[in-house]
Amino acid sequence: MKVHNSNTRKKFLEEQKIFIHSALKRYKDIGMFFPSSHRAAEKALSMLPIETMKKIIEVGSGTGRLTKTIHNRMAPGARLFCIEKNHEFCVYLEKTFQSSNVVVINESVENISRLYPDLVLAQADCVVMSLPAAMVSDDLRLAWLEFTYNALRQNGYCLIHQFLPVLRKYIKNTHWVKQNRKWIIGLPPYFFEVYQKRF
């Protein structure tokens, strides 16, 4: 038991070190100094039928807090595509998720449709978006939402993770229907919204 606890603590400290180091260098790209909590991940993903999904895309995977919860709940044979701009995070994700059903893509989401068109064409059951939307331009926000909309199949789900609901005004004029939302108290607080693509 002590060995297990020691290994768990070692992995936790390694993750924190990687995240904080990257955040200090590129805060505007990351938008926070600490990864989201496991508790927040569990609560957020309880809003989605992950177990029934075959293809899930996570945008802004970070060091994998949401990724781990998704991976633990995925059906056998399902695939998870992690899109992450930060190279250090991608190295950590590949080391953590040594599984054939997890694919890590080191790229900015606004370039994915051009560089990985097959990923968008094979439409996803769900897109999970954890990006610093409050810190970027309107054009970039719209590019993220356009990718998400195009990547989803009809009736597919989008889970958006933010600290402030800044993307809501853009979504209002789309064919997405809001299904659920949750505030999760923490430092910082987390705001999650689930939408479903109807057309």
C-alpha atoms as a PDB file:
ATOM      1  CA  MET A   1       0.000   0.000   0.000  1.00  0.00           C
ATOM      2  CA  LYS A   2       2.825   2.395   0.833  1.00  0.00           C
ATOM      3  CA  VAL A   3       4.452   1.741  -2.537  1.00  0.00           C
ATOM      4  CA  HIS A   4       1.173   2.497  -4.306  1.00  0.00           C
ATOM      5  CA  ASN A   5       0.720   5.734  -2.374  1.00  0.00           C
ATOM      6  CA  SER A   6       4.321   6.700  -3.031  1.00  0.00           C
ATOM      7  CA  ASN A   7       3.935   6.096  -6.786  1.00  0.00           C
ATOM      8  CA  THR A   8       0.667   8.001  -6.884  1.00  0.00           C
ATOM      9  CA  ARG A   9       2.211  10.969  -5.102  1.00  0.00           C
ATOM     10  CA  LYS A  10       5.238  10.878  -7.387  1.00  0.00           C
ATOM     11  CA  LYS A  11       3.020  10.967 -10.495  1.00  0.00           C
ATOM     12  CA  PHE A  12       0.928  13.773  -9.003  1.00  0.00           C
ATOM     13  CA  LEU A  13       4.025  15.891  -8.296  1.00  0.00           C
ATOM     14  CA  GLU A  14       5.415  15.199 -11.775  1.00  0.00           C
ATOM     15  CA  GLU A  15       2.152  16.307 -13.362  1.00  0.00           C
ATOM     16  CA  GLN A  16       2.004  19.477 -11.252  1.00  0.00           C
ATOM     17  CA  LYS A  17       5.604  20.341 -12.128  1.00  0.00           C
ATOM     18  CA  ILE A  18       5.007  19.933 -15.872  1.00  0.00           C
ATOM     19  CA  PHE A  19       1.782  21.922 -15.791  1.00  0.00           C
ATOM     20  CA  ILE A  20       3.090  24.820 -13.698  1.00  0.00           C
ATOM     21  CA  HIS A  21       6.328  25.011 -15.698  1.00  0.00           C
ATOM     22  CA  SER A  22       4.372  25.264 -18.971  1.00  0.00           C
ATOM     23  CA  ALA A  23       1.860  27.724 -17.510  1.00  0.00           C
ATOM     24  CA  LEU A  24       4.609  30.074 -16.360  1.00  0.00           C
ATOM     25  CA  LYS A  25       6.110  30.091 -19.854  1.00  0.00           C
ATOM     26  CA  ARG A  26       2.885  30.230 -21.881  1.00  0.00           C
ATOM     27  CA  TYR A  27       0.032  31.274 -19.620  1.00  0.00           C
ATOM     28  CA  LYS A  28      -2.122  32.719 -22.438  1.00  0.00           C
ATOM     29  CA  ASP A  29      -2.048  29.357 -24.233  1.00  0.00           C
ATOM     30  CA  ILE A  30      -3.032  27.433 -21.107  1.00  0.00           C
ATOM     31  CA  GLY A  31      -5.164  29.859 -19.116  1.00  0.00           C
ATOM     32  CA  MET A  32      -4.539  28.380 -15.666  1.00  0.00           C
ATOM     33  CA  PHE A  33      -1.657  27.483 -13.365  1.00  0.00           C
ATOM     34  CA  PHE A  34      -2.959  24.129 -12.120  1.00  0.00           C
ATOM     35  CA  PRO A  35      -4.753  21.257 -13.888  1.00  0.00           C
ATOM     36  CA  SER A  36      -8.450  20.801 -13.209  1.00  0.00           C
ATOM     37  CA  SER A  37      -9.319  18.491 -10.320  1.00  0.00           C
ATOM     38  CA  HIS A  38     -10.317  14.824 -10.618  1.00  0.00           C
ATOM     39  CA  ARG A  39     -13.537  15.706  -8.780  1.00  0.00           C
ATOM     40  CA  ALA A  40     -14.398  18.332 -11.406  1.00  0.00           C
ATOM     41  CA  ALA A  41     -13.663  15.831 -14.177  1.00  0.00           C
ATOM     42  CA  GLU A  42     -15.959  13.196 -12.657  1.00  0.00           C
ATOM     43  CA  LYS A  43     -18.805  15.668 -12.161  1.00  0.00           C
ATOM     44  CA  ALA A  44     -18.479  17.145 -15.646  1.00  0.00           C
ATOM     45  CA  LEU A  45     -18.412  13.809 -17.428  1.00  0.00           C
ATOM     46  CA  SER A  46     -21.375  12.509 -15.433  1.00  0.00           C
ATOM     47  CA  MET A  47     -23.424  14.743 -17.764  1.00  0.00           C
ATOM     48  CA  LEU A  48     -22.499  12.639 -20.814  1.00  0.00           C
ATOM     49  CA  PRO A  49     -23.234   9.027 -21.877  1.00  0.00           C
ATOM     50  CA  ILE A  50     -19.520   8.321 -22.430  1.00  0.00           C
ATOM     51  CA  GLU A  51     -20.035   4.548 -22.175  1.00  0.00           C
ATOM     52  CA  THR A  52     -22.154   4.532 -25.374  1.00  0.00           C
ATOM     53  CA  MET A  53     -19.710   6.540 -27.510  1.00  0.00           C
ATOM     54  CA  LYS A  54     -17.335   5.140 -30.116  1.00  0.00           C
ATOM     55  CA  LYS A  55     -15.328   8.239 -31.036  1.00  0.00           C
ATOM     56  CA  ILE A  56     -14.453  11.085 -28.665  1.00  0.00           C
ATOM     57  CA  ILE A  57     -12.266  14.117 -29.404  1.00  0.00           C
ATOM     58  CA  GLU A  58     -10.760  16.084 -26.531  1.00  0.00           C
ATOM     59  CA  VAL A  59      -9.447  19.538 -27.426  1.00  0.00           C
ATOM     60  CA  GLY A  60      -6.974  20.996 -24.929  1.00  0.00           C
ATOM     61  CA  SER A  61      -6.164  17.788 -23.052  1.00  0.00           C
ATOM     62  CA  GLY A  62      -3.497  19.379 -20.847  1.00  0.00           C
ATOM     63  CA  THR A  63      -1.934  16.725 -18.614  1.00  0.00           C
ATOM     64  CA  GLY A  64      -4.995  14.520 -18.882  1.00  0.00           C
ATOM     65  CA  ARG A  65      -7.312  15.051 -15.907  1.00  0.00           C
ATOM     66  CA  LEU A  66     -10.452  14.856 -18.059  1.00  0.00           C
ATOM     67  CA  THR A  67      -8.696  12.418 -20.381  1.00  0.00           C
ATOM     68  CA  LYS A  68      -8.225   9.863 -17.618  1.00  0.00           C
ATOM     69  CA  THR A  69     -11.877   9.987 -16.603  1.00  0.00           C
ATOM     70  CA  ILE A  70     -12.994   9.629 -20.225  1.00  0.00           C
ATOM     71  CA  HIS A  71     -10.582   6.731 -20.764  1.00  0.00           C
ATOM     72  CA  ASN A  72     -11.801   4.926 -17.652  1.00  0.00           C
ATOM     73  CA  ARG A  73     -15.430   5.158 -18.769  1.00  0.00           C
ATOM     74  CA  MET A  74     -15.011   4.449 -22.500  1.00  0.00           C
ATOM     75  CA  ALA A  75     -16.532   1.332 -24.030  1.00  0.00           C
ATOM     76  CA  PRO A  76     -14.160  -1.366 -25.326  1.00  0.00           C
ATOM     77  CA  GLY A  77     -13.273  -0.514 -28.906  1.00  0.00           C
ATOM     78  CA  ALA A  78     -13.989   3.199 -28.524  1.00  0.00           C
ATOM     79  CA  ARG A  79     -11.280   5.677 -29.520  1.00  0.00           C
ATOM     80  CA  LEU A  80     -10.176   8.926 -27.900  1.00  0.00           C
ATOM     81  CA  PHE A  81      -8.313  11.602 -29.880  1.00  0.00           C
ATOM     82  CA  CYS A  82      -6.452  14.130 -27.715  1.00  0.00           C
ATOM     83  CA  ILE A  83      -5.604  17.409 -29.451  1.00  0.00           C
ATOM     84  CA  GLU A  84      -3.059  19.417 -27.493  1.00  0.00           C
ATOM     85  CA  LYS A  85      -0.909  22.342 -28.651  1.00  0.00           C
ATOM     86  CA  ASN A  86       1.683  22.114 -25.846  1.00  0.00           C
ATOM     87  CA  HIS A  87       4.494  19.664 -26.687  1.00  0.00           C
ATOM     88  CA  GLU A  88       5.400  18.938 -23.048  1.00  0.00           C
ATOM     89  CA  PHE A  89       1.810  18.006 -22.313  1.00  0.00           C
ATOM     90  CA  CYS A  90       1.732  15.695 -25.345  1.00  0.00           C
ATOM     91  CA  VAL A  91       4.856  13.859 -24.191  1.00  0.00           C
ATOM     92  CA  TYR A  92       3.261  13.405 -20.759  1.00  0.00           C
ATOM     93  CA  LEU A  93      -0.031  12.217 -22.290  1.00  0.00           C
ATOM     94  CA  GLU A  94       1.701   9.662 -24.509  1.00  0.00           C
ATOM     95  CA  LYS A  95       3.597   8.312 -21.517  1.00  0.00           C
ATOM     96  CA  THR A  96       0.450   8.162 -19.381  1.00  0.00           C
ATOM     97  CA  PHE A  97      -1.925   6.670 -21.967  1.00  0.00           C
ATOM     98  CA  GLN A  98       0.049   3.910 -23.662  1.00  0.00           C
ATOM     99  CA  SER A  99      -3.056   2.508 -25.282  1.00  0.00           C
ATOM    100  CA  SER A 100      -4.033   1.855 -28.883  1.00  0.00           C
ATOM    101  CA  ASN A 101      -7.416   3.501 -28.327  1.00  0.00           C
ATOM    102  CA  VAL A 102      -5.860   6.863 -27.309  1.00  0.00           C
ATOM    103  CA  VAL A 103      -4.293   9.013 -30.047  1.00  0.00           C
ATOM    104  CA  VAL A 104      -2.365  12.167 -29.073  1.00  0.00           C
ATOM    105  CA  ILE A 105      -2.096  14.920 -31.692  1.00  0.00           C
ATOM    106  CA  ASN A 106       0.365  17.758 -31.003  1.00  0.00           C
ATOM    107  CA  GLU A 107      -1.279  20.589 -32.930  1.00  0.00           C
ATOM    108  CA  SER A 108      -3.414  23.723 -32.558  1.00  0.00           C
ATOM    109  CA  VAL A 109      -7.085  22.916 -33.015  1.00  0.00           C
ATOM    110  CA  GLU A 110      -7.594  25.576 -35.679  1.00  0.00           C
ATOM    111  CA  ASN A 111      -5.182  23.614 -37.942  1.00  0.00           C
ATOM    112  CA  ILE A 112      -6.746  20.181 -37.465  1.00  0.00           C
ATOM    113  CA  SER A 113      -9.329  20.305 -40.276  1.00  0.00           C
ATOM    114  CA  ARG A 114      -6.557  21.107 -42.780  1.00  0.00           C
ATOM    115  CA  LEU A 115      -3.891  18.731 -41.456  1.00  0.00           C
ATOM    116  CA  TYR A 116      -6.119  15.835 -40.318  1.00  0.00           C
ATOM    117  CA  PRO A 117      -9.244  15.971 -42.523  1.00  0.00           C
ATOM    118  CA  ASP A 118     -10.088  12.305 -41.858  1.00  0.00           C
ATOM    119  CA  LEU A 119     -10.446  13.066 -38.159  1.00  0.00           C
ATOM    120  CA  VAL A 120     -13.238  15.521 -38.930  1.00  0.00           C
ATOM    121  CA  LEU A 121     -14.882  13.416 -41.657  1.00  0.00           C
ATOM    122  CA  ALA A 122     -15.228  10.366 -39.381  1.00  0.00           C
ATOM    123  CA  GLN A 123     -17.635  12.281 -37.213  1.00  0.00           C
ATOM    124  CA  ALA A 124     -17.377  12.167 -33.442  1.00  0.00           C
ATOM    125  CA  ASP A 125     -19.959  11.258 -30.834  1.00  0.00           C
ATOM    126  CA  CYS A 126     -18.520  13.909 -28.539  1.00  0.00           C
ATOM    127  CA  VAL A 127     -16.061  16.811 -28.503  1.00  0.00           C
ATOM    128  CA  VAL A 128     -14.748  17.887 -25.099  1.00  0.00           C
ATOM    129  CA  MET A 129     -13.299  21.394 -25.246  1.00  0.00           C
ATOM    130  CA  SER A 130     -11.006  22.767 -22.502  1.00  0.00           C
ATOM    131  CA  LEU A 131      -9.453  25.897 -23.973  1.00  0.00           C
ATOM    132  CA  PRO A 132      -8.653  29.402 -22.594  1.00  0.00           C
ATOM    133  CA  ALA A 133     -11.523  31.023 -24.500  1.00  0.00           C
ATOM    134  CA  ALA A 134     -11.528  34.174 -22.355  1.00  0.00           C
ATOM    135  CA  MET A 135      -7.949  34.999 -23.388  1.00  0.00           C
ATOM    136  CA  VAL A 136      -8.098  34.782 -27.196  1.00  0.00           C
ATOM    137  CA  SER A 137      -9.533  36.705 -30.141  1.00  0.00           C
ATOM    138  CA  ASP A 138     -13.053  36.374 -31.515  1.00  0.00           C
ATOM    139  CA  ASP A 139     -11.630  34.814 -34.675  1.00  0.00           C
ATOM    140  CA  LEU A 140      -9.933  32.062 -32.714  1.00  0.00           C
ATOM    141  CA  ARG A 141     -13.053  31.349 -30.643  1.00  0.00           C
ATOM    142  CA  LEU A 142     -15.078  31.038 -33.839  1.00  0.00           C
ATOM    143  CA  ALA A 143     -12.439  28.745 -35.389  1.00  0.00           C
ATOM    144  CA  TRP A 144     -12.611  26.442 -32.349  1.00  0.00           C
ATOM    145  CA  LEU A 145     -16.396  26.278 -32.493  1.00  0.00           C
ATOM    146  CA  GLU A 146     -16.382  25.726 -36.259  1.00  0.00           C
ATOM    147  CA  PHE A 147     -14.005  22.780 -35.856  1.00  0.00           C
ATOM    148  CA  THR A 148     -16.172  21.346 -33.070  1.00  0.00           C
ATOM    149  CA  TYR A 149     -19.372  21.703 -35.052  1.00  0.00           C
ATOM    150  CA  ASN A 150     -17.858  20.095 -38.165  1.00  0.00           C
ATOM    151  CA  ALA A 151     -16.283  17.263 -36.168  1.00  0.00           C
ATOM    152  CA  LEU A 152     -19.553  16.242 -34.492  1.00  0.00           C
ATOM    153  CA  ARG A 153     -22.091  13.868 -35.995  1.00  0.00           C
ATOM    154  CA  GLN A 154     -25.749  14.806 -35.894  1.00  0.00           C
ATOM    155  CA  ASN A 155     -26.994  14.516 -32.283  1.00  0.00           C
ATOM    156  CA  GLY A 156     -23.382  14.419 -31.080  1.00  0.00           C
ATOM    157  CA  TYR A 157     -22.450  16.134 -27.826  1.00  0.00           C
ATOM    158  CA  CYS A 158     -20.125  19.014 -27.026  1.00  0.00           C
ATOM    159  CA  LEU A 159     -18.851  19.536 -23.474  1.00  0.00           C
ATOM    160  CA  ILE A 160     -17.295  22.973 -22.970  1.00  0.00           C
ATOM    161  CA  HIS A 161     -15.075  23.600 -19.933  1.00  0.00           C
ATOM    162  CA  GLN A 162     -14.483  27.270 -19.041  1.00  0.00           C
ATOM    163  CA  PHE A 163     -13.957  29.537 -16.066  1.00  0.00           C
ATOM    164  CA  LEU A 164     -16.304  32.129 -17.580  1.00  0.00           C
ATOM    165  CA  PRO A 165     -19.082  31.263 -20.067  1.00  0.00           C
ATOM    166  CA  VAL A 166     -17.646  33.478 -22.819  1.00  0.00           C
ATOM    167  CA  LEU A 167     -18.488  31.081 -25.667  1.00  0.00           C
ATOM    168  CA  ARG A 168     -22.201  31.115 -24.939  1.00  0.00           C
ATOM    169  CA  LYS A 169     -22.956  34.180 -27.081  1.00  0.00           C
ATOM    170  CA  TYR A 170     -21.366  32.507 -30.126  1.00  0.00           C
ATOM    171  CA  ILE A 171     -23.235  29.243 -29.606  1.00  0.00           C
ATOM    172  CA  LYS A 172     -26.572  31.036 -29.336  1.00  0.00           C
ATOM    173  CA  ASN A 173     -26.735  31.422 -33.136  1.00  0.00           C
ATOM    174  CA  THR A 174     -25.833  27.805 -33.972  1.00  0.00           C
ATOM    175  CA  HIS A 175     -27.775  24.562 -34.298  1.00  0.00           C
ATOM    176  CA  TRP A 176     -26.597  23.404 -30.873  1.00  0.00           C
ATOM    177  CA  VAL A 177     -29.158  22.796 -28.161  1.00  0.00           C
ATOM    178  CA  LYS A 178     -28.114  23.216 -24.536  1.00  0.00           C
ATOM    179  CA  GLN A 179     -28.605  20.046 -22.498  1.00  0.00           C
ATOM    180  CA  ASN A 180     -27.022  20.737 -19.139  1.00  0.00           C
ATOM    181  CA  ARG A 181     -24.698  23.024 -17.211  1.00  0.00           C
ATOM    182  CA  LYS A 182     -22.808  22.867 -13.925  1.00  0.00           C
ATOM    183  CA  TRP A 183     -20.759  25.208 -11.807  1.00  0.00           C
ATOM    184  CA  ILE A 184     -18.173  23.261  -9.826  1.00  0.00           C
ATOM    185  CA  ILE A 185     -16.773  25.164  -6.876  1.00  0.00           C
ATOM    186  CA  GLY A 186     -12.995  25.214  -6.628  1.00  0.00           C
ATOM    187  CA  LEU A 187      -9.953  27.401  -7.074  1.00  0.00           C
ATOM    188  CA  PRO A 188     -10.619  28.455  -9.714  1.00  0.00           C
ATOM    189  CA  PRO A 189     -14.306  27.525 -10.112  1.00  0.00           C
ATOM    190  CA  TYR A 190     -15.166  25.441 -13.170  1.00  0.00           C
ATOM    191  CA  PHE A 191     -18.075  26.048 -15.512  1.00  0.00           C
ATOM    192  CA  PHE A 192     -19.257  23.177 -17.735  1.00  0.00           C
ATOM    193  CA  GLU A 193     -21.946  23.256 -20.419  1.00  0.00           C
ATOM    194  CA  VAL A 194     -23.218  20.383 -22.565  1.00  0.00           C
ATOM    195  CA  TYR A 195     -24.716  21.022 -25.998  1.00  0.00           C
ATOM    196  CA  GLN A 196     -26.133  18.664 -28.590  1.00  0.00           C
ATOM    197  CA  LYS A 197     -25.827  19.163 -32.339  1.00  0.00           C
ATOM    198  CA  ARG A 198     -29.271  18.818 -33.895  1.00  0.00           C
ATOM    199  CA  PHE A 199     -28.588  19.665 -37.577  1.00  0.00           C
END
